[in-house]
Amino acid sequence: MASRSRERVSGFAELVEVRSTALLRLAYAVVGDHQLAQDLLQEAFTRVWTMARTFDPQRGPFKPWLFTIALNAARSEMAKKRHSVRHVEPEEAEGLDPLAGNPERLLAETETRRRVESALAGLSPHLREVVVLKVFHQLKFHEIARITGAPEGTLKARFHRAVAELRDLDFERRVPVTVESPDKLARRLVKVLAEETDEGRLRRQGRAMELLGQLPPGTDLPRLLSRVQAESVLGFYVPGRKPPKGELYVRSTSGLDPYAKIILSHELTHAVTDQHFDLTRADRLAAATAREDELAAYSALVEGDASLAMQRYLAERLTPSEQADAALAAAADRTPRRDAAPAVIRESMLFPYQEGLRFVRALYQRGGWAAVDRAYRDPPTSTEQLLHPERYLTDRDQPQAVTVPNLSGRLGGGWRPGVEVSFGELDARLLLQGELQVATAESAAEGWDGGRLRTFQRGNRTALALRTVWDSSAEATQFCGAMSGWATGRFGSATRAGTTLRWSDAGQHTALLCRGPRVAWLSAPDRPTLTRLTTGLGGP
């Protein structure tokens, strides 16, 4: 008897040691008072001791039973005294878990808790309970249902509502979520991309990028993009209503671990904004002619929005230990194919996330989520507006329309139209960065006001005409000088024919035309074709 009693006491002591921190945090999240949470913790363990013989493993696992006792104790106290959530003071935080011996960790933990409490305080008690049990204690919905006494479907609805409150948008319908292994998710993405991509058009666009020195000769651009994106994908959402549209996928080998939760928060933001603002706008822009720069700007709005919401989720809904786990997982990610890809590919892929986040932050600082929502109704129309938010927010700088006529008939027999794409400020930056310093390229591209590129083909031969317009003649002169330096870096010294500068190598003859606020760059496989291209264009 004495031996069994000692074993029971020893087992209970181990339970207290293992579960104290989790139950204390649960109690504190409900009542918002550290000393009261400590008292409730003692009361909960007293109830566990006295009710231990009533636990029946046939009716369910021990953990939900334990959390039910703690939650009921906190609920009873809230009902009696109607406590409200308040911020914990730094000196009170020492009792929450063993961080007091490390001042740096304590300060970081305290600041994180302040942010978490601020978010939780705005939730109703029912929502707060679900968020704490789901996010902080990683319980499954059926376990939370057992603890709270609410149906599982109700809990899922509450959790979606809590997530929606972070973004200040309500879900209009449930979003199917699938967690998959990296290989399976990559295969799924490749299939989606194949269905959405016009490979012929993309190959013609790749040929233009080769002529501009951005891709090595012979690059298979569709295959390169597919391999890089499959390697890099962490999750994706397919905009639209009819399945498989409106579905969401997240990469993970261990379920919804902290890293996967962060990615899920990003993709769920896409889902809720799609339900309110129809993200299939991106599909329509992709299918249109010469709307690539506008598509890049819109994609940056979408990804910047999701990145900001993801940052808030990381700061407000994950514990410090979960944040650390997620950081370690992110640091372990390797993307050798993307890292080895040409700079134009890497930078184009990063642009929506990096510059999009900066743009959305500018909106949010000005008017909160309402300002971000307004941007979906009146989206930016150029990468210029993304790179310079003031040109969207205050003095709206709309791009000028630029055309390049179909010159295939002027080039001679056998020539036909190739690809026609827009050429924005981001494109000008990335082009110049191929030969010039980043700061020089950015400064020269800043005066952009419109641009279009068009190619023409005859067998495996390609001619190219790029036209741009600038805010002023001075801005055009700066870009013209930068283009001259870029071309000299690629081809060597230029020759001058009147106001036109020309360069050539074994397989390409080129010309730079600058006049007033306009600049044009022309390329052809031989000198006679370049002359016909120049004459047909009739000036920059």
Protein backbone atom coordinates (compact mmCIF):
# COMPACT_ATOMS: atom_id res chain seq x y z
CA MET A 1 0.00 0.00 0.00
CA ALA A 2 2.77 2.40 0.99
CA SER A 3 4.64 1.52 -2.20
CA ARG A 4 1.59 2.20 -4.39
CA SER A 5 0.99 5.48 -2.56
CA ARG A 6 4.57 6.58 -3.18
CA GLU A 7 4.23 5.66 -6.86
CA ARG A 8 1.03 7.70 -7.13
CA VAL A 9 2.66 10.72 -5.48
CA SER A 10 5.74 10.36 -7.70
CA GLY A 11 3.57 10.11 -10.83
CA PHE A 12 1.53 13.11 -9.81
CA ALA A 13 4.69 15.16 -9.17
CA GLU A 14 5.92 14.27 -12.65
CA LEU A 15 2.56 15.32 -14.11
CA VAL A 16 2.78 18.69 -12.34
CA GLU A 17 6.29 19.24 -13.66
CA VAL A 18 5.41 18.34 -17.25
CA ARG A 19 2.03 20.08 -17.57
CA SER A 20 2.30 23.13 -15.27
CA THR A 21 3.48 25.59 -17.91
CA ALA A 22 0.83 24.59 -20.47
CA LEU A 23 -2.03 24.72 -17.96
CA LEU A 24 -0.79 27.99 -16.49
CA ARG A 25 -0.76 29.59 -19.91
CA LEU A 26 -4.24 28.28 -20.63
CA ALA A 27 -5.56 29.69 -17.38
CA TYR A 28 -3.80 33.00 -17.90
CA ALA A 29 -5.13 33.33 -21.46
CA VAL A 30 -8.67 32.93 -20.11
CA VAL A 31 -8.53 35.12 -16.98
CA GLY A 32 -5.72 37.55 -17.88
CA ASP A 33 -4.34 37.79 -14.34
CA HIS A 34 -1.08 36.04 -13.45
CA GLN A 35 -1.69 35.57 -9.73
CA LEU A 36 -5.21 34.35 -10.34
CA ALA A 37 -3.89 31.96 -13.01
CA GLN A 38 -1.42 30.57 -10.43
CA ASP A 39 -4.28 30.00 -7.98
CA LEU A 40 -6.37 28.31 -10.67
CA LEU A 41 -3.43 26.07 -11.56
CA GLN A 42 -3.27 24.84 -7.97
CA GLU A 43 -7.03 24.33 -7.94
CA ALA A 44 -6.87 22.40 -11.21
CA PHE A 45 -4.21 20.04 -9.92
CA THR A 46 -6.18 19.56 -6.70
CA ARG A 47 -9.19 18.52 -8.78
CA VAL A 48 -6.99 16.21 -10.86
CA TRP A 49 -5.72 14.53 -7.67
CA THR A 50 -9.16 14.03 -6.24
CA MET A 51 -10.78 13.01 -9.55
CA ALA A 52 -7.96 10.79 -10.85
CA ARG A 53 -9.92 7.59 -10.26
CA THR A 54 -12.74 8.89 -12.46
CA PHE A 55 -10.52 9.07 -15.55
CA ASP A 56 -11.49 6.38 -18.04
CA PRO A 57 -9.06 5.89 -20.97
CA GLN A 58 -11.86 4.18 -22.91
CA ARG A 59 -13.66 7.50 -23.10
CA GLY A 60 -10.71 9.45 -24.48
CA PRO A 61 -7.03 10.44 -24.01
CA PHE A 62 -5.70 11.92 -20.79
CA LYS A 63 -4.57 15.29 -22.16
CA PRO A 64 -8.03 16.56 -23.18
CA TRP A 65 -9.41 15.34 -19.83
CA LEU A 66 -6.71 17.31 -18.00
CA PHE A 67 -7.31 20.47 -20.05
CA THR A 68 -11.06 20.17 -19.48
CA ILE A 69 -10.51 20.36 -15.71
CA ALA A 70 -8.26 23.41 -16.03
CA LEU A 71 -10.60 25.18 -18.46
CA ASN A 72 -13.64 24.55 -16.26
CA ALA A 73 -11.81 26.03 -13.27
CA ALA A 74 -10.95 29.16 -15.27
CA ARG A 75 -14.48 29.45 -16.64
CA SER A 76 -15.97 29.22 -13.16
CA GLU A 77 -13.74 32.01 -11.94
CA MET A 78 -14.59 34.21 -14.93
CA ALA A 79 -18.29 33.64 -14.33
CA LYS A 80 -17.97 34.59 -10.65
CA LYS A 81 -15.79 37.69 -10.95
CA ARG A 82 -16.08 38.77 -14.61
CA HIS A 83 -12.35 39.35 -14.98
CA SER A 84 -11.03 41.05 -18.10
CA VAL A 85 -7.76 40.33 -19.89
CA ARG A 86 -4.93 42.68 -19.03
CA HIS A 87 -1.24 42.88 -19.93
CA VAL A 88 1.23 41.00 -17.73
CA GLU A 89 3.97 43.06 -16.17
CA PRO A 90 7.62 42.04 -16.72
CA GLU A 91 8.14 41.06 -13.11
CA GLU A 92 4.99 38.91 -13.21
CA ALA A 93 6.14 37.12 -16.32
CA GLU A 94 8.94 35.36 -14.45
CA GLY A 95 6.52 32.84 -13.03
CA LEU A 96 5.11 31.72 -16.38
CA ASP A 97 8.02 29.46 -17.24
CA PRO A 98 11.74 29.11 -16.45
CA LEU A 99 13.11 32.10 -18.39
CA ALA A 100 13.88 34.35 -15.44
CA GLY A 101 17.55 33.39 -15.44
CA ASN A 102 18.01 34.72 -18.97
CA PRO A 103 17.20 38.47 -19.22
CA GLU A 104 17.44 38.56 -23.04
CA ARG A 105 14.99 35.69 -23.47
CA LEU A 106 12.73 37.12 -20.78
CA LEU A 107 12.51 40.47 -22.58
CA ALA A 108 11.77 38.81 -25.91
CA GLU A 109 9.20 36.52 -24.26
CA THR A 110 7.52 39.40 -22.47
CA GLU A 111 7.23 41.49 -25.64
CA THR A 112 5.81 38.53 -27.57
CA ARG A 113 3.26 37.94 -24.81
CA ARG A 114 2.18 41.58 -24.95
CA ARG A 115 1.45 41.21 -28.66
CA VAL A 116 -0.31 37.90 -28.15
CA GLU A 117 -2.45 39.25 -25.31
CA SER A 118 -3.38 42.30 -27.37
CA ALA A 119 -4.70 40.02 -30.12
CA LEU A 120 -6.44 37.64 -27.73
CA ALA A 121 -8.06 40.45 -25.77
CA GLY A 122 -10.07 41.43 -28.81
CA LEU A 123 -11.61 37.97 -29.15
CA SER A 124 -14.73 36.71 -27.48
CA PRO A 125 -14.18 34.19 -24.64
CA HIS A 126 -15.25 31.26 -26.87
CA LEU A 127 -12.91 32.30 -29.67
CA ARG A 128 -10.08 32.92 -27.21
CA GLU A 129 -10.40 29.40 -25.78
CA VAL A 130 -10.30 27.80 -29.23
CA VAL A 131 -7.30 29.84 -30.39
CA VAL A 132 -5.33 29.08 -27.21
CA LEU A 133 -6.04 25.34 -27.35
CA LYS A 134 -5.47 25.06 -31.09
CA VAL A 135 -2.50 27.35 -31.70
CA PHE A 136 -0.60 27.26 -28.42
CA HIS A 137 -1.31 23.67 -27.36
CA GLN A 138 -1.66 22.16 -30.87
CA LEU A 139 -4.74 20.12 -29.96
CA LYS A 140 -6.88 18.60 -32.68
CA PHE A 141 -10.40 19.93 -33.18
CA HIS A 142 -12.02 16.76 -31.88
CA GLU A 143 -9.92 17.07 -28.68
CA ILE A 144 -10.92 20.74 -28.29
CA ALA A 145 -14.54 19.71 -28.81
CA ARG A 146 -14.22 17.25 -25.92
CA ILE A 147 -12.62 19.91 -23.67
CA THR A 148 -14.97 22.80 -24.43
CA GLY A 149 -18.15 20.82 -24.93
CA ALA A 150 -18.75 22.44 -28.32
CA PRO A 151 -19.31 20.43 -31.54
CA GLU A 152 -16.25 20.00 -33.75
CA GLY A 153 -17.87 21.85 -36.65
CA THR A 154 -18.57 24.80 -34.37
CA LEU A 155 -14.94 24.87 -33.28
CA LYS A 156 -13.68 24.96 -36.87
CA ALA A 157 -15.98 27.85 -37.58
CA ARG A 158 -14.70 29.67 -34.50
CA PHE A 159 -11.09 29.09 -35.49
CA HIS A 160 -11.66 30.37 -39.02
CA ARG A 161 -13.35 33.40 -37.49
CA ALA A 162 -10.34 34.02 -35.25
CA VAL A 163 -7.97 33.80 -38.25
CA ALA A 164 -10.25 36.14 -40.20
CA GLU A 165 -10.09 38.68 -37.37
CA LEU A 166 -6.32 38.97 -37.82
CA ARG A 167 -6.90 40.08 -41.42
CA ASP A 168 -10.18 41.85 -40.62
CA LEU A 169 -12.07 39.85 -43.27
CA ASP A 170 -14.63 37.09 -42.80
CA PHE A 171 -14.48 33.79 -44.68
CA GLU A 172 -17.54 33.42 -46.88
CA ARG A 173 -17.03 29.66 -47.35
CA ARG A 174 -14.84 26.88 -46.03
CA VAL A 175 -11.38 26.48 -47.60
CA PRO A 176 -10.23 22.87 -48.21
CA VAL A 177 -6.67 22.50 -46.86
CA THR A 178 -4.32 19.64 -47.84
CA VAL A 179 -0.95 19.07 -46.17
CA GLU A 180 1.43 17.16 -48.45
CA SER A 181 5.02 15.96 -48.61
CA PRO A 182 7.49 18.18 -50.53
CA ASP A 183 7.64 15.78 -53.51
CA LYS A 184 3.88 15.43 -53.79
CA LEU A 185 3.30 19.17 -53.48
CA ALA A 186 5.96 19.87 -56.12
CA ARG A 187 4.32 17.43 -58.55
CA ARG A 188 0.94 19.02 -57.91
CA LEU A 189 2.31 22.51 -58.58
CA VAL A 190 4.02 21.39 -61.80
CA LYS A 191 0.69 20.00 -63.00
CA VAL A 192 -1.14 23.25 -62.17
CA LEU A 193 1.53 25.33 -63.91
CA ALA A 194 1.42 23.11 -67.01
CA GLU A 195 -2.33 23.62 -67.28
CA GLU A 196 -2.02 27.39 -66.97
CA THR A 197 1.12 28.06 -69.07
CA ASP A 198 1.28 28.86 -72.78
CA GLU A 199 4.66 27.21 -73.38
CA GLY A 200 5.05 28.54 -76.92
CA ARG A 201 4.55 32.12 -75.79
CA LEU A 202 6.91 31.60 -72.85
CA ARG A 203 9.61 30.19 -75.16
CA ARG A 204 9.32 33.23 -77.44
CA GLN A 205 9.60 35.46 -74.37
CA GLY A 206 12.69 33.50 -73.34
CA ARG A 207 14.24 34.15 -76.75
CA ALA A 208 13.74 37.90 -76.22
CA MET A 209 15.47 37.63 -72.84
CA GLU A 210 18.38 35.84 -74.53
CA LEU A 211 18.78 38.74 -76.98
CA LEU A 212 18.81 41.12 -74.01
CA GLY A 213 21.57 39.10 -72.34
CA GLN A 214 19.36 37.99 -69.44
CA LEU A 215 19.34 34.26 -70.27
CA PRO A 216 22.07 32.04 -71.71
CA PRO A 217 21.50 31.04 -75.35
CA GLY A 218 19.30 27.97 -75.73
CA THR A 219 17.58 28.31 -72.34
CA ASP A 220 14.37 26.29 -72.06
CA LEU A 221 12.46 28.93 -70.07
CA PRO A 222 9.30 26.85 -69.34
CA ARG A 223 11.40 23.97 -67.99
CA LEU A 224 13.65 26.30 -65.97
CA LEU A 225 10.70 28.06 -64.32
CA SER A 226 8.90 24.78 -63.59
CA ARG A 227 11.95 23.26 -61.89
CA VAL A 228 12.75 26.37 -59.85
CA GLN A 229 9.17 26.87 -58.69
CA ALA A 230 8.72 23.18 -57.82
CA GLU A 231 11.87 23.30 -55.69
CA SER A 232 10.87 26.54 -53.94
CA VAL A 233 7.16 25.94 -53.26
CA LEU A 234 6.09 25.92 -49.60
CA GLY A 235 2.39 26.15 -50.27
CA PHE A 236 -0.05 27.54 -52.78
CA TYR A 237 -3.68 28.52 -53.15
CA VAL A 238 -5.64 28.20 -56.40
CA PRO A 239 -7.97 31.21 -56.77
CA GLY A 240 -11.54 30.62 -57.87
CA ARG A 241 -14.77 28.96 -56.75
CA LYS A 242 -15.24 25.68 -58.63
CA PRO A 243 -12.96 22.79 -57.46
CA PRO A 244 -10.05 22.34 -57.86
CA LYS A 245 -10.15 26.12 -57.67
CA GLY A 246 -10.46 27.57 -54.17
CA GLU A 247 -8.28 24.84 -52.68
CA LEU A 248 -5.13 25.26 -50.61
CA TYR A 249 -2.00 23.13 -50.24
CA VAL A 250 0.84 23.31 -47.72
CA ARG A 251 4.17 21.46 -47.68
CA SER A 252 5.13 19.52 -44.55
CA THR A 253 6.48 16.14 -43.49
CA SER A 254 5.24 16.50 -39.90
CA GLY A 255 1.71 17.86 -40.12
CA LEU A 256 0.93 21.41 -39.07
CA ASP A 257 4.21 22.14 -37.34
CA PRO A 258 5.06 25.81 -36.59
CA TYR A 259 6.67 26.38 -40.01
CA ALA A 260 3.68 24.86 -41.80
CA LYS A 261 1.31 27.03 -39.71
CA ILE A 262 3.11 30.16 -40.85
CA ILE A 263 2.80 29.11 -44.49
CA LEU A 264 -0.84 28.19 -43.93
CA SER A 265 -1.55 31.66 -42.53
CA HIS A 266 -0.06 33.13 -45.73
CA GLU A 267 -2.16 30.93 -48.02
CA LEU A 268 -5.34 31.39 -45.95
CA THR A 269 -4.92 35.14 -46.45
CA HIS A 270 -4.98 34.50 -50.20
CA ALA A 271 -8.13 32.43 -49.71
CA VAL A 272 -10.05 35.03 -47.72
CA THR A 273 -9.03 37.90 -50.02
CA ASP A 274 -10.03 35.78 -53.03
CA GLN A 275 -13.48 35.32 -51.51
CA HIS A 276 -13.86 39.09 -51.14
CA PHE A 277 -11.89 40.55 -54.06
CA ASP A 278 -11.60 37.78 -56.71
CA LEU A 279 -7.92 36.99 -57.19
CA THR A 280 -8.66 35.45 -60.59
CA ARG A 281 -7.91 38.96 -61.85
CA ALA A 282 -4.33 37.66 -62.10
CA ASP A 283 -5.45 34.97 -64.56
CA ARG A 284 -7.14 37.55 -66.75
CA LEU A 285 -4.06 39.78 -66.74
CA ALA A 286 -1.85 36.81 -67.62
CA ALA A 287 -4.07 35.95 -70.59
CA ALA A 288 -4.13 39.53 -71.91
CA THR A 289 -1.57 40.99 -74.32
CA ALA A 290 1.22 43.15 -72.89
CA ARG A 291 -0.15 43.34 -69.32
CA GLU A 292 2.86 41.65 -67.64
CA ASP A 293 3.97 44.73 -65.71
CA GLU A 294 0.46 45.29 -64.38
CA LEU A 295 0.33 41.59 -63.44
CA ALA A 296 3.61 41.91 -61.53
CA ALA A 297 2.20 44.90 -59.63
CA TYR A 298 -1.04 43.09 -58.81
CA SER A 299 0.81 39.95 -57.72
CA ALA A 300 2.95 42.07 -55.43
CA LEU A 301 -0.18 43.51 -53.79
CA VAL A 302 -1.53 39.98 -53.25
CA GLU A 303 1.73 38.52 -51.92
CA GLY A 304 2.55 41.59 -49.85
CA ASP A 305 -0.85 41.38 -48.17
CA ALA A 306 -0.37 37.69 -47.34
CA SER A 307 3.19 38.32 -46.14
CA LEU A 308 2.07 41.05 -43.74
CA ALA A 309 -0.72 38.85 -42.36
CA MET A 310 1.81 36.03 -42.03
CA GLN A 311 4.15 38.28 -40.05
CA ARG A 312 1.30 39.21 -37.72
CA TYR A 313 0.43 35.54 -37.27
CA LEU A 314 4.04 34.73 -36.46
CA ALA A 315 4.28 37.53 -33.89
CA GLU A 316 0.84 37.23 -32.31
CA ARG A 317 -0.20 33.58 -32.54
CA LEU A 318 2.99 31.52 -32.15
CA THR A 319 4.82 30.98 -28.88
CA PRO A 320 8.53 31.94 -28.70
CA SER A 321 9.51 28.27 -28.90
CA GLU A 322 7.33 27.81 -31.98
CA GLN A 323 8.87 30.91 -33.53
CA ALA A 324 12.32 29.44 -32.93
CA ASP A 325 11.30 26.10 -34.42
CA ALA A 326 9.91 27.84 -37.51
CA ALA A 327 13.09 29.91 -37.90
CA LEU A 328 15.22 26.77 -37.76
CA ALA A 329 13.02 25.06 -40.35
CA ALA A 330 13.21 28.09 -42.65
CA ALA A 331 16.99 28.27 -42.29
CA ALA A 332 17.24 24.59 -43.23
CA ASP A 333 15.37 25.14 -46.52
CA ARG A 334 17.68 24.81 -49.52
CA THR A 335 16.93 26.07 -53.04
CA PRO A 336 20.03 25.29 -55.14
CA ARG A 337 18.20 25.54 -58.47
CA ARG A 338 16.81 28.97 -57.69
CA ASP A 339 20.16 30.11 -56.32
CA ALA A 340 21.86 29.03 -59.57
CA ALA A 341 19.19 30.54 -61.84
CA PRO A 342 19.92 33.72 -63.83
CA ALA A 343 19.51 36.91 -61.82
CA VAL A 344 16.42 38.00 -63.75
CA ILE A 345 14.63 34.79 -62.68
CA ARG A 346 15.65 35.08 -59.02
CA GLU A 347 14.79 38.74 -58.72
CA SER A 348 11.47 38.40 -60.55
CA MET A 349 10.42 35.61 -58.18
CA LEU A 350 11.37 37.61 -55.06
CA PHE A 351 9.84 40.90 -56.20
CA PRO A 352 6.19 40.21 -55.24
CA TYR A 353 7.19 39.20 -51.71
CA GLN A 354 9.86 41.76 -50.91
CA GLU A 355 8.56 44.86 -52.68
CA GLY A 356 4.95 43.75 -52.21
CA LEU A 357 5.42 43.62 -48.45
CA ARG A 358 6.98 47.08 -48.44
CA PHE A 359 4.09 48.46 -50.51
CA VAL A 360 1.38 46.87 -48.35
CA ARG A 361 3.08 48.10 -45.19
CA ALA A 362 2.85 51.63 -46.60
CA LEU A 363 -0.88 51.11 -47.18
CA TYR A 364 -1.42 49.58 -43.74
CA GLN A 365 0.45 52.38 -41.97
CA ARG A 366 -1.75 54.91 -43.69
CA GLY A 367 -5.15 53.28 -43.11
CA GLY A 368 -4.93 49.76 -41.68
CA TRP A 369 -6.52 46.80 -43.44
CA ALA A 370 -9.20 49.07 -44.90
CA ALA A 371 -6.50 50.78 -46.99
CA VAL A 372 -5.24 47.39 -48.19
CA ASP A 373 -8.80 46.37 -49.10
CA ARG A 374 -9.24 49.57 -51.11
CA ALA A 375 -6.14 48.69 -53.12
CA TYR A 376 -7.83 45.49 -54.31
CA ARG A 377 -10.74 47.55 -55.61
CA ASP A 378 -8.36 50.04 -57.25
CA PRO A 379 -5.13 48.06 -57.76
CA PRO A 380 -1.75 49.44 -58.79
CA THR A 381 -1.22 49.29 -62.53
CA SER A 382 2.57 49.29 -62.79
CA THR A 383 5.67 48.12 -60.95
CA GLU A 384 6.58 51.82 -60.79
CA GLN A 385 3.69 52.33 -58.36
CA LEU A 386 4.88 49.34 -56.30
CA LEU A 387 8.46 50.53 -56.14
CA HIS A 388 7.38 54.10 -55.28
CA PRO A 389 4.21 53.87 -53.14
CA GLU A 390 3.81 57.66 -53.14
CA ARG A 391 3.15 57.45 -56.88
CA TYR A 392 0.14 55.31 -56.05
CA LEU A 393 -1.04 56.89 -52.79
CA THR A 394 -0.64 60.62 -53.37
CA ASP A 395 0.20 61.65 -56.93
CA ARG A 396 -1.08 58.70 -59.00
CA ASP A 397 1.39 58.21 -61.85
CA GLN A 398 -0.40 56.20 -64.52
CA PRO A 399 1.85 54.74 -67.24
CA GLN A 400 1.66 56.08 -70.76
CA ALA A 401 0.50 53.76 -73.51
CA VAL A 402 3.37 52.69 -75.78
CA THR A 403 2.94 50.70 -79.00
CA VAL A 404 5.26 48.77 -81.25
CA PRO A 405 3.59 48.14 -84.64
CA ASN A 406 3.67 44.78 -86.39
CA LEU A 407 6.76 45.23 -88.54
CA SER A 408 7.00 41.67 -89.82
CA GLY A 409 5.87 42.77 -93.30
CA ARG A 410 8.57 45.45 -93.41
CA LEU A 411 11.32 42.99 -92.54
CA GLY A 412 10.92 40.81 -95.63
CA GLY A 413 9.50 37.48 -96.64
CA GLY A 414 9.06 34.78 -94.03
CA TRP A 415 9.01 37.08 -91.01
CA ARG A 416 6.05 36.76 -88.64
CA PRO A 417 5.06 38.24 -85.23
CA GLY A 418 6.69 36.68 -82.18
CA VAL A 419 5.79 37.85 -78.68
CA GLU A 420 4.48 41.20 -77.43
CA VAL A 421 5.00 42.12 -73.77
CA SER A 422 5.02 45.19 -71.57
CA PHE A 423 8.30 46.62 -70.29
CA GLY A 424 8.03 48.25 -66.87
CA GLU A 425 10.31 49.95 -64.39
CA LEU A 426 11.16 46.59 -62.82
CA ASP A 427 12.15 45.27 -66.26
CA ALA A 428 14.35 48.33 -66.87
CA ARG A 429 16.05 47.82 -63.51
CA LEU A 430 16.72 44.14 -64.08
CA LEU A 431 17.98 44.74 -67.63
CA LEU A 432 20.52 47.38 -66.58
CA GLN A 433 21.64 45.37 -63.55
CA GLY A 434 23.04 42.83 -65.99
CA GLU A 435 26.01 45.14 -66.60
CA LEU A 436 25.70 48.09 -64.19
CA GLN A 437 25.74 48.63 -60.43
CA VAL A 438 22.37 48.19 -58.72
CA ALA A 439 22.21 51.82 -57.55
CA THR A 440 23.01 53.08 -61.06
CA ALA A 441 20.37 50.82 -62.60
CA GLU A 442 17.70 51.84 -60.09
CA SER A 443 18.41 55.55 -60.59
CA ALA A 444 18.32 55.26 -64.38
CA ALA A 445 15.05 53.29 -64.33
CA GLU A 446 13.26 55.58 -61.89
CA GLY A 447 11.97 58.00 -64.53
CA TRP A 448 10.12 55.25 -66.45
CA ASP A 449 6.66 56.16 -67.73
CA GLY A 450 5.78 53.37 -70.16
CA GLY A 451 7.24 50.65 -72.34
CA ARG A 452 6.58 47.77 -74.71
CA LEU A 453 8.69 45.06 -76.33
CA ARG A 454 7.89 43.08 -79.46
CA THR A 455 9.72 40.34 -81.33
CA PHE A 456 9.51 39.00 -84.88
CA GLN A 457 10.62 35.58 -86.06
CA ARG A 458 11.83 33.88 -89.21
CA GLY A 459 12.69 30.28 -88.50
CA ASN A 460 15.17 30.34 -85.64
CA ARG A 461 16.09 33.99 -86.25
CA THR A 462 14.61 36.73 -84.06
CA ALA A 463 14.40 40.51 -84.31
CA LEU A 464 13.40 42.70 -81.37
CA ALA A 465 12.07 46.23 -80.86
CA LEU A 466 11.85 47.79 -77.39
CA ARG A 467 10.21 51.21 -77.00
CA THR A 468 10.10 53.25 -73.79
CA VAL A 469 8.82 56.66 -72.73
CA TRP A 470 10.10 58.66 -69.75
CA ASP A 471 8.81 61.33 -67.39
CA SER A 472 11.01 63.97 -69.04
CA SER A 473 13.71 64.38 -71.65
CA ALA A 474 16.25 64.55 -68.83
CA GLU A 475 15.06 61.19 -67.45
CA ALA A 476 15.23 59.72 -70.96
CA THR A 477 18.76 61.06 -71.40
CA GLN A 478 19.82 59.38 -68.16
CA PHE A 479 18.34 56.05 -69.26
CA CYS A 480 19.88 56.42 -72.71
CA GLY A 481 23.30 56.91 -71.13
CA ALA A 482 22.78 53.89 -68.90
CA MET A 483 21.72 51.77 -71.89
CA SER A 484 24.83 52.89 -73.76
CA GLY A 485 26.99 51.75 -70.85
CA TRP A 486 25.05 48.48 -70.63
CA ALA A 487 25.50 47.82 -74.38
CA THR A 488 29.20 48.67 -74.30
CA GLY A 489 29.63 46.22 -71.45
CA ARG A 490 28.04 43.50 -73.57
CA PHE A 491 29.33 44.25 -77.07
CA GLY A 492 32.29 46.61 -76.77
CA SER A 493 32.66 50.02 -78.40
CA ALA A 494 29.81 51.56 -80.38
CA THR A 495 29.73 53.12 -83.81
CA ARG A 496 27.66 56.21 -84.49
CA ALA A 497 25.37 56.79 -87.45
CA GLY A 498 23.90 60.26 -87.00
CA THR A 499 22.06 60.21 -83.65
CA THR A 500 21.97 56.41 -83.55
CA LEU A 501 24.48 54.26 -81.66
CA ARG A 502 25.16 50.75 -82.94
CA TRP A 503 26.83 47.62 -81.54
CA SER A 504 27.26 44.16 -83.01
CA ASP A 505 28.68 40.71 -82.36
CA ALA A 506 28.71 37.49 -84.35
CA GLY A 507 24.96 36.85 -84.12
CA GLN A 508 23.33 40.18 -83.24
CA HIS A 509 23.25 43.72 -84.61
CA THR A 510 21.76 46.38 -82.35
CA ALA A 511 20.87 50.06 -82.27
CA LEU A 512 20.02 52.60 -79.55
CA LEU A 513 17.73 55.50 -80.53
CA CYS A 514 17.19 58.44 -78.15
CA ARG A 515 14.99 61.45 -78.90
CA GLY A 516 13.24 63.75 -76.42
CA PRO A 517 11.45 61.66 -73.71
CA ARG A 518 11.66 58.43 -75.76
CA VAL A 519 14.29 55.70 -75.99
CA ALA A 520 14.26 52.60 -78.22
CA TRP A 521 16.50 49.54 -78.40
CA LEU A 522 16.54 47.42 -81.56
CA SER A 523 18.13 44.04 -82.29
CA ALA A 524 18.30 41.95 -85.46
CA PRO A 525 20.29 38.94 -86.67
CA ASP A 526 21.99 40.91 -89.48
CA ARG A 527 22.63 44.49 -90.52
CA PRO A 528 20.11 44.69 -93.41
CA THR A 529 17.31 43.43 -91.15
CA LEU A 530 18.35 45.97 -88.46
CA THR A 531 18.15 48.76 -91.08
CA ARG A 532 14.65 47.67 -92.15
CA LEU A 533 13.59 47.39 -88.49
CA THR A 534 14.87 50.91 -87.76
CA THR A 535 13.21 52.39 -90.83
CA GLY A 536 9.93 50.60 -90.15
CA LEU A 537 9.79 51.80 -86.55
CA GLY A 538 10.31 55.40 -87.68
CA GLY A 539 12.03 56.59 -84.48
CA PRO A 540 11.93 55.85 -80.78
